[in-house]
Amino acid sequence: MKKETFAIETSEGIAEYKGVTFGDLWNGWECPLFDLKTTIKILNDVVGGEEQKHEYDFTFYQYDNVYDVIIETSFYNAKIECAQTHKPIMIDNKKYYSIGSYCWTWMKKSNYTF
């Protein structure tokens, strides 16, 4: 596990967050993990609250503190297309969450140029 600062392009510019990585890549993009506080900040900053809307479909994210999971529900034409949960991963007695791993275009801060 390695601590890194990760960056992602948003409608407001480049956003940066501290997280950890095991070096996993998805189509060349990083697959970071973040603590809960950072995960909630990412949902607010990158997704615009807990909901990401498009013209006919959207993805809704919600932290469930009873089950300690991030719930991701994707809708297409007003019908649920996909629903999944992101459980925390314990590393050195600390919980980390996968938000946007294997899906979003995360980069290590040291590797990006815009």
PDB file of N, CA and C in Angstrom:
ATOM      1  N   MET A   1       0.850  -1.182   0.000  1.00  0.00           N
ATOM      2  CA  MET A   1       0.000   0.000   0.000  1.00  0.00           C
ATOM      3  C   MET A   1       0.891   1.238   0.000  1.00  0.00           C
ATOM      4  N   LYS A   2       0.509   2.218  -0.810  1.00  0.00           N
ATOM      5  CA  LYS A   2       1.270   3.449  -0.901  1.00  0.00           C
ATOM      6  C   LYS A   2       0.320   4.644  -0.800  1.00  0.00           C
ATOM      7  N   LYS A   3       0.692   5.631   0.017  1.00  0.00           N
ATOM      8  CA  LYS A   3      -0.095   6.858   0.108  1.00  0.00           C
ATOM      9  C   LYS A   3       0.243   7.745  -1.084  1.00  0.00           C
ATOM     10  N   GLU A   4      -0.797   8.334  -1.663  1.00  0.00           N
ATOM     11  CA  GLU A   4      -0.641   9.180  -2.851  1.00  0.00           C
ATOM     12  C   GLU A   4      -1.681  10.294  -2.812  1.00  0.00           C
ATOM     13  N   THR A   5      -1.441  11.313  -3.605  1.00  0.00           N
ATOM     14  CA  THR A   5      -2.467  12.304  -3.899  1.00  0.00           C
ATOM     15  C   THR A   5      -2.980  11.986  -5.285  1.00  0.00           C
ATOM     16  N   PHE A   6      -4.301  11.856  -5.397  1.00  0.00           N
ATOM     17  CA  PHE A   6      -4.932  11.500  -6.659  1.00  0.00           C
ATOM     18  C   PHE A   6      -5.700  12.702  -7.196  1.00  0.00           C
ATOM     19  N   ALA A   7      -5.753  12.794  -8.503  1.00  0.00           N
ATOM     20  CA  ALA A   7      -6.433  13.904  -9.167  1.00  0.00           C
ATOM     21  C   ALA A   7      -7.471  13.359 -10.134  1.00  0.00           C
ATOM     22  N   ILE A   8      -8.514  14.161 -10.312  1.00  0.00           N
ATOM     23  CA  ILE A   8      -9.557  13.817 -11.270  1.00  0.00           C
ATOM     24  C   ILE A   8     -10.083  15.115 -11.870  1.00  0.00           C
ATOM     25  N   GLU A   9     -10.400  15.069 -13.146  1.00  0.00           N
ATOM     26  CA  GLU A   9     -10.915  16.249 -13.827  1.00  0.00           C
ATOM     27  C   GLU A   9     -12.417  16.355 -13.574  1.00  0.00           C
ATOM     28  N   THR A  10     -12.859  17.546 -13.179  1.00  0.00           N
ATOM     29  CA  THR A  10     -14.277  17.803 -12.925  1.00  0.00           C
ATOM     30  C   THR A  10     -14.714  18.998 -13.757  1.00  0.00           C
ATOM     31  N   SER A  11     -15.975  19.325 -13.711  1.00  0.00           N
ATOM     32  CA  SER A  11     -16.479  20.497 -14.437  1.00  0.00           C
ATOM     33  C   SER A  11     -15.911  21.791 -13.861  1.00  0.00           C
ATOM     34  N   GLU A  12     -15.407  21.737 -12.634  1.00  0.00           N
ATOM     35  CA  GLU A  12     -14.825  22.909 -11.972  1.00  0.00           C
ATOM     36  C   GLU A  12     -13.310  22.970 -12.118  1.00  0.00           C
ATOM     37  N   GLY A  13     -12.717  21.993 -12.771  1.00  0.00           N
ATOM     38  CA  GLY A  13     -11.257  21.930 -12.911  1.00  0.00           C
ATOM     39  C   GLY A  13     -10.729  20.632 -12.328  1.00  0.00           C
ATOM     40  N   ILE A  14      -9.482  20.649 -11.918  1.00  0.00           N
ATOM     41  CA  ILE A  14      -8.847  19.458 -11.350  1.00  0.00           C
ATOM     42  C   ILE A  14      -9.071  19.423  -9.841  1.00  0.00           C
ATOM     43  N   ALA A  15      -9.545  18.294  -9.352  1.00  0.00           N
ATOM     44  CA  ALA A  15      -9.731  18.095  -7.908  1.00  0.00           C
ATOM     45  C   ALA A  15      -8.695  17.085  -7.432  1.00  0.00           C
ATOM     46  N   GLU A  16      -8.143  17.313  -6.244  1.00  0.00           N
ATOM     47  CA  GLU A  16      -7.103  16.433  -5.691  1.00  0.00           C
ATOM     48  C   GLU A  16      -7.519  15.924  -4.318  1.00  0.00           C
ATOM     49  N   TYR A  17      -7.208  14.645  -4.071  1.00  0.00           N
ATOM     50  CA  TYR A  17      -7.573  14.006  -2.804  1.00  0.00           C
ATOM     51  C   TYR A  17      -6.476  13.046  -2.376  1.00  0.00           C
ATOM     52  N   LYS A  18      -6.225  12.986  -1.081  1.00  0.00           N
ATOM     53  CA  LYS A  18      -5.237  12.056  -0.544  1.00  0.00           C
ATOM     54  C   LYS A  18      -5.901  10.702  -0.328  1.00  0.00           C
ATOM     55  N   GLY A  19      -5.212   9.658  -0.790  1.00  0.00           N
ATOM     56  CA  GLY A  19      -5.731   8.305  -0.660  1.00  0.00           C
ATOM     57  C   GLY A  19      -4.586   7.315  -0.655  1.00  0.00           C
ATOM     58  N   VAL A  20      -4.920   6.063  -0.874  1.00  0.00           N
ATOM     59  CA  VAL A  20      -3.910   5.007  -0.916  1.00  0.00           C
ATOM     60  C   VAL A  20      -4.129   4.156  -2.168  1.00  0.00           C
ATOM     61  N   THR A  21      -3.086   3.431  -2.534  1.00  0.00           N
ATOM     62  CA  THR A  21      -3.174   2.568  -3.709  1.00  0.00           C
ATOM     63  C   THR A  21      -2.352   1.309  -3.505  1.00  0.00           C
ATOM     64  N   PHE A  22      -2.789   0.255  -4.157  1.00  0.00           N
ATOM     65  CA  PHE A  22      -2.011  -0.976  -4.241  1.00  0.00           C
ATOM     66  C   PHE A  22      -1.415  -1.106  -5.635  1.00  0.00           C
ATOM     67  N   GLY A  23      -1.576  -0.049  -6.455  1.00  0.00           N
ATOM     68  CA  GLY A  23      -1.021  -0.047  -7.797  1.00  0.00           C
ATOM     69  C   GLY A  23      -1.958  -0.585  -8.858  1.00  0.00           C
ATOM     70  N   ASP A  24      -3.221  -0.873  -8.493  1.00  0.00           N
ATOM     71  CA  ASP A  24      -4.189  -1.364  -9.481  1.00  0.00           C
ATOM     72  C   ASP A  24      -4.492  -0.285 -10.509  1.00  0.00           C
ATOM     73  N   LEU A  25      -4.629  -0.712 -11.761  1.00  0.00           N
ATOM     74  CA  LEU A  25      -5.010   0.185 -12.844  1.00  0.00           C
ATOM     75  C   LEU A  25      -6.225  -0.383 -13.566  1.00  0.00           C
ATOM     76  N   TRP A  26      -7.045   0.504 -14.106  1.00  0.00           N
ATOM     77  CA  TRP A  26      -8.190   0.148 -14.927  1.00  0.00           C
ATOM     78  C   TRP A  26      -8.064   0.959 -16.218  1.00  0.00           C
ATOM     79  N   ASN A  27      -7.826   0.307 -17.328  1.00  0.00           N
ATOM     80  CA  ASN A  27      -7.628   0.988 -18.613  1.00  0.00           C
ATOM     81  C   ASN A  27      -6.587   2.098 -18.512  1.00  0.00           C
ATOM     82  N   GLY A  28      -5.591   1.893 -17.675  1.00  0.00           N
ATOM     83  CA  GLY A  28      -4.525   2.875 -17.498  1.00  0.00           C
ATOM     84  C   GLY A  28      -4.787   3.899 -16.413  1.00  0.00           C
ATOM     85  N   TRP A  29      -5.978   3.899 -15.836  1.00  0.00           N
ATOM     86  CA  TRP A  29      -6.341   4.853 -14.789  1.00  0.00           C
ATOM     87  C   TRP A  29      -6.116   4.228 -13.412  1.00  0.00           C
ATOM     88  N   GLU A  30      -5.817   5.069 -12.434  1.00  0.00           N
ATOM     89  CA  GLU A  30      -5.586   4.612 -11.061  1.00  0.00           C
ATOM     90  C   GLU A  30      -6.889   4.132 -10.427  1.00  0.00           C
ATOM     91  N   CYS A  31      -6.749   3.252  -9.433  1.00  0.00           N
ATOM     92  CA  CYS A  31      -7.890   2.726  -8.680  1.00  0.00           C
ATOM     93  C   CYS A  31      -7.640   2.955  -7.189  1.00  0.00           C
ATOM     94  N   PRO A  32      -7.789   4.197  -6.740  1.00  0.00           N
ATOM     95  CA  PRO A  32      -7.448   4.535  -5.355  1.00  0.00           C
ATOM     96  C   PRO A  32      -8.524   4.139  -4.349  1.00  0.00           C
ATOM     97  N   LEU A  33      -8.125   4.172  -3.087  1.00  0.00           N
ATOM     98  CA  LEU A  33      -9.013   3.978  -1.950  1.00  0.00           C
ATOM     99  C   LEU A  33      -8.901   5.224  -1.071  1.00  0.00           C
ATOM    100  N   PHE A  34     -10.005   5.592  -0.403  1.00  0.00           N
ATOM    101  CA  PHE A  34     -10.025   6.803   0.409  1.00  0.00           C
ATOM    102  C   PHE A  34     -10.687   6.529   1.756  1.00  0.00           C
ATOM    103  N   ASP A  35     -10.305   7.300   2.784  1.00  0.00           N
ATOM    104  CA  ASP A  35     -10.991   7.180   4.069  1.00  0.00           C
ATOM    105  C   ASP A  35     -12.400   7.761   3.922  1.00  0.00           C
ATOM    106  N   LEU A  36     -13.247   7.551   4.924  1.00  0.00           N
ATOM    107  CA  LEU A  36     -14.654   7.946   4.810  1.00  0.00           C
ATOM    108  C   LEU A  36     -14.809   9.456   4.633  1.00  0.00           C
ATOM    109  N   LYS A  37     -14.080  10.242   5.401  1.00  0.00           N
ATOM    110  CA  LYS A  37     -14.188  11.701   5.309  1.00  0.00           C
ATOM    111  C   LYS A  37     -13.872  12.170   3.883  1.00  0.00           C
ATOM    112  N   THR A  38     -12.813  11.628   3.295  1.00  0.00           N
ATOM    113  CA  THR A  38     -12.432  11.993   1.929  1.00  0.00           C
ATOM    114  C   THR A  38     -13.459  11.486   0.923  1.00  0.00           C
ATOM    115  N   THR A  39     -13.984  10.284   1.139  1.00  0.00           N
ATOM    116  CA  THR A  39     -15.000   9.730   0.245  1.00  0.00           C
ATOM    117  C   THR A  39     -16.225  10.632   0.199  1.00  0.00           C
ATOM    118  N   ILE A  40     -16.698  11.078   1.354  1.00  0.00           N
ATOM    119  CA  ILE A  40     -17.862  11.974   1.406  1.00  0.00           C
ATOM    120  C   ILE A  40     -17.536  13.296   0.701  1.00  0.00           C
ATOM    121  N   LYS A  41     -16.330  13.808   0.894  1.00  0.00           N
ATOM    122  CA  LYS A  41     -15.907  15.044   0.209  1.00  0.00           C
ATOM    123  C   LYS A  41     -15.903  14.843  -1.300  1.00  0.00           C
ATOM    124  N   ILE A  42     -15.403  13.704  -1.766  1.00  0.00           N
ATOM    125  CA  ILE A  42     -15.399  13.404  -3.196  1.00  0.00           C
ATOM    126  C   ILE A  42     -16.826  13.392  -3.736  1.00  0.00           C
ATOM    127  N   LEU A  43     -17.736  12.741  -3.024  1.00  0.00           N
ATOM    128  CA  LEU A  43     -19.130  12.704  -3.471  1.00  0.00           C
ATOM    129  C   LEU A  43     -19.699  14.117  -3.575  1.00  0.00           C
ATOM    130  N   ASN A  44     -19.360  14.980  -2.628  1.00  0.00           N
ATOM    131  CA  ASN A  44     -19.849  16.359  -2.669  1.00  0.00           C
ATOM    132  C   ASN A  44     -19.182  17.180  -3.759  1.00  0.00           C
ATOM    133  N   ASP A  45     -17.864  17.025  -3.924  1.00  0.00           N
ATOM    134  CA  ASP A  45     -17.113  17.839  -4.885  1.00  0.00           C
ATOM    135  C   ASP A  45     -17.262  17.348  -6.323  1.00  0.00           C
ATOM    136  N   VAL A  46     -17.038  16.086  -6.530  1.00  0.00           N
ATOM    137  CA  VAL A  46     -16.962  15.544  -7.883  1.00  0.00           C
ATOM    138  C   VAL A  46     -18.342  15.218  -8.432  1.00  0.00           C
ATOM    139  N   VAL A  47     -19.174  14.637  -7.623  1.00  0.00           N
ATOM    140  CA  VAL A  47     -20.486  14.195  -8.094  1.00  0.00           C
ATOM    141  C   VAL A  47     -21.526  15.298  -7.920  1.00  0.00           C
ATOM    142  N   GLY A  48     -21.217  16.318  -7.133  1.00  0.00           N
ATOM    143  CA  GLY A  48     -22.171  17.413  -6.936  1.00  0.00           C
ATOM    144  C   GLY A  48     -23.228  17.052  -5.918  1.00  0.00           C
ATOM    145  N   GLY A  49     -22.827  16.640  -4.755  1.00  0.00           N
ATOM    146  CA  GLY A  49     -23.729  16.113  -3.747  1.00  0.00           C
ATOM    147  C   GLY A  49     -23.629  14.617  -3.822  1.00  0.00           C
ATOM    148  N   GLU A  50     -24.723  13.961  -3.692  1.00  0.00           N
ATOM    149  CA  GLU A  50     -24.703  12.504  -3.753  1.00  0.00           C
ATOM    150  C   GLU A  50     -25.371  12.005  -5.025  1.00  0.00           C
ATOM    151  N   GLU A  51     -25.559  12.894  -5.989  1.00  0.00           N
ATOM    152  CA  GLU A  51     -26.270  12.492  -7.198  1.00  0.00           C
ATOM    153  C   GLU A  51     -25.545  13.016  -8.422  1.00  0.00           C
ATOM    154  N   GLN A  52     -25.401  12.182  -9.403  1.00  0.00           N
ATOM    155  CA  GLN A  52     -24.774  12.559 -10.662  1.00  0.00           C
ATOM    156  C   GLN A  52     -25.827  12.416 -11.750  1.00  0.00           C
ATOM    157  N   LYS A  53     -26.281  13.535 -12.329  1.00  0.00           N
ATOM    158  CA  LYS A  53     -27.392  13.494 -13.284  1.00  0.00           C
ATOM    159  C   LYS A  53     -26.910  13.665 -14.718  1.00  0.00           C
ATOM    160  N   HIS A  54     -27.629  13.023 -15.596  1.00  0.00           N
ATOM    161  CA  HIS A  54     -27.435  13.187 -17.028  1.00  0.00           C
ATOM    162  C   HIS A  54     -28.816  13.404 -17.629  1.00  0.00           C
ATOM    163  N   GLU A  55     -28.899  13.552 -18.929  1.00  0.00           N
ATOM    164  CA  GLU A  55     -30.172  13.891 -19.546  1.00  0.00           C
ATOM    165  C   GLU A  55     -31.266  12.864 -19.257  1.00  0.00           C
ATOM    166  N   TYR A  56     -30.980  11.574 -19.471  1.00  0.00           N
ATOM    167  CA  TYR A  56     -32.009  10.556 -19.280  1.00  0.00           C
ATOM    168  C   TYR A  56     -31.645   9.521 -18.229  1.00  0.00           C
ATOM    169  N   ASP A  57     -30.488   9.661 -17.674  1.00  0.00           N
ATOM    170  CA  ASP A  57     -30.089   8.692 -16.663  1.00  0.00           C
ATOM    171  C   ASP A  57     -29.269   9.397 -15.589  1.00  0.00           C
ATOM    172  N   PHE A  58     -29.103   8.756 -14.474  1.00  0.00           N
ATOM    173  CA  PHE A  58     -28.288   9.329 -13.415  1.00  0.00           C
ATOM    174  C   PHE A  58     -27.829   8.232 -12.466  1.00  0.00           C
ATOM    175  N   THR A  59     -26.816   8.567 -11.702  1.00  0.00           N
ATOM    176  CA  THR A  59     -26.311   7.657 -10.670  1.00  0.00           C
ATOM    177  C   THR A  59     -26.421   8.367  -9.336  1.00  0.00           C
ATOM    178  N   PHE A  60     -26.962   7.680  -8.369  1.00  0.00           N
ATOM    179  CA  PHE A  60     -27.162   8.229  -7.033  1.00  0.00           C
ATOM    180  C   PHE A  60     -26.222   7.519  -6.068  1.00  0.00           C
ATOM    181  N   TYR A  61     -25.506   8.281  -5.268  1.00  0.00           N
ATOM    182  CA  TYR A  61     -24.596   7.728  -4.263  1.00  0.00           C
ATOM    183  C   TYR A  61     -25.094   8.125  -2.882  1.00  0.00           C
ATOM    184  N   GLN A  62     -25.012   7.197  -1.955  1.00  0.00           N
ATOM    185  CA  GLN A  62     -25.457   7.483  -0.593  1.00  0.00           C
ATOM    186  C   GLN A  62     -24.606   6.687   0.384  1.00  0.00           C
ATOM    187  N   TYR A  63     -24.171   7.338   1.468  1.00  0.00           N
ATOM    188  CA  TYR A  63     -23.471   6.616   2.521  1.00  0.00           C
ATOM    189  C   TYR A  63     -24.502   6.106   3.510  1.00  0.00           C
ATOM    190  N   ASP A  64     -24.474   4.820   3.777  1.00  0.00           N
ATOM    191  CA  ASP A  64     -25.378   4.190   4.741  1.00  0.00           C
ATOM    192  C   ASP A  64     -24.577   3.922   6.006  1.00  0.00           C
ATOM    193  N   ASN A  65     -24.817   4.747   7.041  1.00  0.00           N
ATOM    194  CA  ASN A  65     -24.026   4.601   8.274  1.00  0.00           C
ATOM    195  C   ASN A  65     -24.454   3.405   9.120  1.00  0.00           C
ATOM    196  N   VAL A  66     -25.603   2.826   8.855  1.00  0.00           N
ATOM    197  CA  VAL A  66     -26.026   1.624   9.588  1.00  0.00           C
ATOM    198  C   VAL A  66     -25.187   0.426   9.133  1.00  0.00           C
ATOM    199  N   TYR A  67     -25.028   0.279   7.818  1.00  0.00           N
ATOM    200  CA  TYR A  67     -24.275  -0.842   7.264  1.00  0.00           C
ATOM    201  C   TYR A  67     -22.839  -0.471   6.879  1.00  0.00           C
ATOM    202  N   ASP A  68     -22.502   0.810   7.022  1.00  0.00           N
ATOM    203  CA  ASP A  68     -21.155   1.307   6.733  1.00  0.00           C
ATOM    204  C   ASP A  68     -20.737   0.961   5.301  1.00  0.00           C
ATOM    205  N   VAL A  69     -21.578   1.360   4.332  1.00  0.00           N
ATOM    206  CA  VAL A  69     -21.298   1.124   2.922  1.00  0.00           C
ATOM    207  C   VAL A  69     -21.687   2.359   2.107  1.00  0.00           C
ATOM    208  N   ILE A  70     -21.081   2.496   0.942  1.00  0.00           N
ATOM    209  CA  ILE A  70     -21.516   3.474  -0.039  1.00  0.00           C
ATOM    210  C   ILE A  70     -22.443   2.720  -0.991  1.00  0.00           C
ATOM    211  N   ILE A  71     -23.659   3.215  -1.155  1.00  0.00           N
ATOM    212  CA  ILE A  71     -24.621   2.594  -2.061  1.00  0.00           C
ATOM    213  C   ILE A  71     -24.607   3.388  -3.367  1.00  0.00           C
ATOM    214  N   GLU A  72     -24.420   2.692  -4.462  1.00  0.00           N
ATOM    215  CA  GLU A  72     -24.402   3.307  -5.788  1.00  0.00           C
ATOM    216  C   GLU A  72     -25.548   2.704  -6.587  1.00  0.00           C
ATOM    217  N   THR A  73     -26.480   3.565  -7.015  1.00  0.00           N
ATOM    218  CA  THR A  73     -27.629   3.107  -7.790  1.00  0.00           C
ATOM    219  C   THR A  73     -27.663   3.868  -9.103  1.00  0.00           C
ATOM    220  N   SER A  74     -27.629   3.142 -10.215  1.00  0.00           N
ATOM    221  CA  SER A  74     -27.663   3.756 -11.539  1.00  0.00           C
ATOM    222  C   SER A  74     -29.028   3.537 -12.173  1.00  0.00           C
ATOM    223  N   PHE A  75     -29.564   4.615 -12.723  1.00  0.00           N
ATOM    224  CA  PHE A  75     -30.868   4.575 -13.372  1.00  0.00           C
ATOM    225  C   PHE A  75     -30.699   4.881 -14.851  1.00  0.00           C
ATOM    226  N   TYR A  76     -31.499   4.235 -15.672  1.00  0.00           N
ATOM    227  CA  TYR A  76     -31.552   4.523 -17.099  1.00  0.00           C
ATOM    228  C   TYR A  76     -33.008   4.531 -17.512  1.00  0.00           C
ATOM    229  N   ASN A  77     -33.450   5.607 -18.143  1.00  0.00           N
ATOM    230  CA  ASN A  77     -34.861   5.777 -18.514  1.00  0.00           C
ATOM    231  C   ASN A  77     -35.779   5.542 -17.319  1.00  0.00           C
ATOM    232  N   ALA A  78     -35.396   6.108 -16.187  1.00  0.00           N
ATOM    233  CA  ALA A  78     -36.181   6.072 -14.944  1.00  0.00           C
ATOM    234  C   ALA A  78     -36.322   4.679 -14.338  1.00  0.00           C
ATOM    235  N   LYS A  79     -35.500   3.726 -14.765  1.00  0.00           N
ATOM    236  CA  LYS A  79     -35.528   2.384 -14.189  1.00  0.00           C
ATOM    237  C   LYS A  79     -34.144   2.058 -13.631  1.00  0.00           C
ATOM    238  N   ILE A  80     -34.121   1.315 -12.541  1.00  0.00           N
ATOM    239  CA  ILE A  80     -32.842   0.916 -11.963  1.00  0.00           C
ATOM    240  C   ILE A  80     -32.135  -0.015 -12.934  1.00  0.00           C
ATOM    241  N   GLU A  81     -30.939   0.388 -13.320  1.00  0.00           N
ATOM    242  CA  GLU A  81     -30.128  -0.420 -14.220  1.00  0.00           C
ATOM    243  C   GLU A  81     -29.121  -1.249 -13.440  1.00  0.00           C
ATOM    244  N   CYS A  82     -28.588  -0.663 -12.372  1.00  0.00           N
ATOM    245  CA  CYS A  82     -27.540  -1.329 -11.606  1.00  0.00           C
ATOM    246  C   CYS A  82     -27.522  -0.756 -10.192  1.00  0.00           C
ATOM    247  N   ALA A  83     -27.377  -1.614  -9.219  1.00  0.00           N
ATOM    248  CA  ALA A  83     -27.227  -1.173  -7.833  1.00  0.00           C
ATOM    249  C   ALA A  83     -26.123  -2.003  -7.197  1.00  0.00           C
ATOM    250  N   GLN A  84     -25.234  -1.315  -6.514  1.00  0.00           N
ATOM    251  CA  GLN A  84     -24.145  -2.027  -5.851  1.00  0.00           C
ATOM    252  C   GLN A  84     -23.720  -1.282  -4.600  1.00  0.00           C
ATOM    253  N   THR A  85     -23.050  -1.993  -3.724  1.00  0.00           N
ATOM    254  CA  THR A  85     -22.528  -1.372  -2.509  1.00  0.00           C
ATOM    255  C   THR A  85     -21.006  -1.447  -2.522  1.00  0.00           C
ATOM    256  N   HIS A  86     -20.402  -0.454  -1.904  1.00  0.00           N
ATOM    257  CA  HIS A  86     -18.954  -0.402  -1.755  1.00  0.00           C
ATOM    258  C   HIS A  86     -18.650  -0.516  -0.265  1.00  0.00           C
ATOM    259  N   LYS A  87     -18.236  -1.697   0.154  1.00  0.00           N
ATOM    260  CA  LYS A  87     -17.899  -1.940   1.554  1.00  0.00           C
ATOM    261  C   LYS A  87     -16.505  -1.406   1.833  1.00  0.00           C
ATOM    262  N   PRO A  88     -16.260  -1.001   3.074  1.00  0.00           N
ATOM    263  CA  PRO A  88     -14.910  -0.537   3.399  1.00  0.00           C
ATOM    264  C   PRO A  88     -13.917  -1.696   3.410  1.00  0.00           C
ATOM    265  N   ILE A  89     -12.678  -1.363   3.135  1.00  0.00           N
ATOM    266  CA  ILE A  89     -11.579  -2.311   3.183  1.00  0.00           C
ATOM    267  C   ILE A  89     -10.716  -1.930   4.372  1.00  0.00           C
ATOM    268  N   MET A  90     -10.434  -2.873   5.249  1.00  0.00           N
ATOM    269  CA  MET A  90      -9.607  -2.593   6.429  1.00  0.00           C
ATOM    270  C   MET A  90      -8.134  -2.735   6.075  1.00  0.00           C
ATOM    271  N   ILE A  91      -7.369  -1.671   6.318  1.00  0.00           N
ATOM    272  CA  ILE A  91      -5.928  -1.676   6.109  1.00  0.00           C
ATOM    273  C   ILE A  91      -5.300  -1.035   7.337  1.00  0.00           C
ATOM    274  N   ASP A  92      -4.477  -1.798   8.047  1.00  0.00           N
ATOM    275  CA  ASP A  92      -3.828  -1.298   9.267  1.00  0.00           C
ATOM    276  C   ASP A  92      -4.840  -0.693  10.234  1.00  0.00           C
ATOM    277  N   ASN A  93      -5.953  -1.386  10.443  1.00  0.00           N
ATOM    278  CA  ASN A  93      -7.025  -0.981  11.353  1.00  0.00           C
ATOM    279  C   ASN A  93      -7.699   0.332  10.966  1.00  0.00           C
ATOM    280  N   LYS A  94      -7.644   0.686   9.704  1.00  0.00           N
ATOM    281  CA  LYS A  94      -8.313   1.879   9.200  1.00  0.00           C
ATOM    282  C   LYS A  94      -9.163   1.483   8.000  1.00  0.00           C
ATOM    283  N   LYS A  95     -10.365   2.077   7.900  1.00  0.00           N
ATOM    284  CA  LYS A  95     -11.283   1.758   6.809  1.00  0.00           C
ATOM    285  C   LYS A  95     -11.030   2.665   5.605  1.00  0.00           C
ATOM    286  N   TYR A  96     -11.031   2.042   4.422  1.00  0.00           N
ATOM    287  CA  TYR A  96     -10.896   2.756   3.159  1.00  0.00           C
ATOM    288  C   TYR A  96     -12.019   2.320   2.226  1.00  0.00           C
ATOM    289  N   TYR A  97     -12.460   3.263   1.387  1.00  0.00           N
ATOM    290  CA  TYR A  97     -13.566   3.013   0.475  1.00  0.00           C
ATOM    291  C   TYR A  97     -13.110   3.211  -0.966  1.00  0.00           C
ATOM    292  N   SER A  98     -13.653   2.395  -1.844  1.00  0.00           N
ATOM    293  CA  SER A  98     -13.378   2.495  -3.270  1.00  0.00           C
ATOM    294  C   SER A  98     -14.486   3.334  -3.893  1.00  0.00           C
ATOM    295  N   ILE A  99     -14.154   4.549  -4.298  1.00  0.00           N
ATOM    296  CA  ILE A  99     -15.147   5.396  -4.963  1.00  0.00           C
ATOM    297  C   ILE A  99     -14.595   5.782  -6.328  1.00  0.00           C
ATOM    298  N   GLY A 100     -15.231   5.287  -7.353  1.00  0.00           N
ATOM    299  CA  GLY A 100     -14.788   5.565  -8.715  1.00  0.00           C
ATOM    300  C   GLY A 100     -13.679   4.661  -9.213  1.00  0.00           C
ATOM    301  N   SER A 101     -13.234   3.727  -8.399  1.00  0.00           N
ATOM    302  CA  SER A 101     -12.218   2.789  -8.865  1.00  0.00           C
ATOM    303  C   SER A 101     -12.818   1.893  -9.937  1.00  0.00           C
ATOM    304  N   TYR A 102     -12.031   1.589 -10.947  1.00  0.00           N
ATOM    305  CA  TYR A 102     -12.457   0.751 -12.072  1.00  0.00           C
ATOM    306  C   TYR A 102     -13.627   1.373 -12.835  1.00  0.00           C
ATOM    307  N   CYS A 103     -13.701   2.715 -12.785  1.00  0.00           N
ATOM    308  CA  CYS A 103     -14.797   3.397 -13.463  1.00  0.00           C
ATOM    309  C   CYS A 103     -14.431   4.840 -13.811  1.00  0.00           C
ATOM    310  N   TRP A 104     -13.930   5.609 -12.849  1.00  0.00           N
ATOM    311  CA  TRP A 104     -13.605   7.008 -13.064  1.00  0.00           C
ATOM    312  C   TRP A 104     -12.154   7.140 -13.535  1.00  0.00           C
ATOM    313  N   THR A 105     -11.797   8.318 -14.005  1.00  0.00           N
ATOM    314  CA  THR A 105     -10.467   8.549 -14.569  1.00  0.00           C
ATOM    315  C   THR A 105      -9.533   9.209 -13.540  1.00  0.00           C
ATOM    316  N   TRP A 106      -9.171   8.440 -12.516  1.00  0.00           N
ATOM    317  CA  TRP A 106      -8.245   8.903 -11.479  1.00  0.00           C
ATOM    318  C   TRP A 106      -6.809   8.843 -11.987  1.00  0.00           C
ATOM    319  N   MET A 107      -6.010   9.836 -11.581  1.00  0.00           N
ATOM    320  CA  MET A 107      -4.584   9.875 -11.896  1.00  0.00           C
ATOM    321  C   MET A 107      -3.802  10.186 -10.625  1.00  0.00           C
ATOM    322  N   LYS A 108      -2.576   9.702 -10.536  1.00  0.00           N
ATOM    323  CA  LYS A 108      -1.693  10.164  -9.472  1.00  0.00           C
ATOM    324  C   LYS A 108      -1.354  11.611  -9.781  1.00  0.00           C
ATOM    325  N   LYS A 109      -1.335  12.448  -8.757  1.00  0.00           N
ATOM    326  CA  LYS A 109      -1.025  13.859  -8.959  1.00  0.00           C
ATOM    327  C   LYS A 109       0.305  14.026  -9.680  1.00  0.00           C
ATOM    328  N   SER A 110       1.268  13.210  -9.336  1.00  0.00           N
ATOM    329  CA  SER A 110       2.602  13.326  -9.929  1.00  0.00           C
ATOM    330  C   SER A 110       2.626  12.950 -11.405  1.00  0.00           C
ATOM    331  N   ASN A 111       1.579  12.289 -11.913  1.00  0.00           N
ATOM    332  CA  ASN A 111       1.570  11.821 -13.297  1.00  0.00           C
ATOM    333  C   ASN A 111       0.719  12.647 -14.258  1.00  0.00           C
ATOM    334  N   TYR A 112      -0.054  13.597 -13.743  1.00  0.00           N
ATOM    335  CA  TYR A 112      -0.958  14.275 -14.677  1.00  0.00           C
ATOM    336  C   TYR A 112      -0.384  15.602 -15.181  1.00  0.00           C
ATOM    337  N   THR A 113      -0.762  15.929 -16.404  1.00  0.00           N
ATOM    338  CA  THR A 113      -0.450  17.209 -17.008  1.00  0.00           C
ATOM    339  C   THR A 113      -1.668  17.663 -17.799  1.00  0.00           C
ATOM    340  N   PHE A 114      -2.060  18.897 -17.570  1.00  0.00           N
ATOM    341  CA  PHE A 114      -3.218  19.459 -18.269  1.00  0.00           C
ATOM    342  C   PHE A 114      -2.842  20.788 -18.867  1.00  0.00           C
TER     343      PHE A 114
END
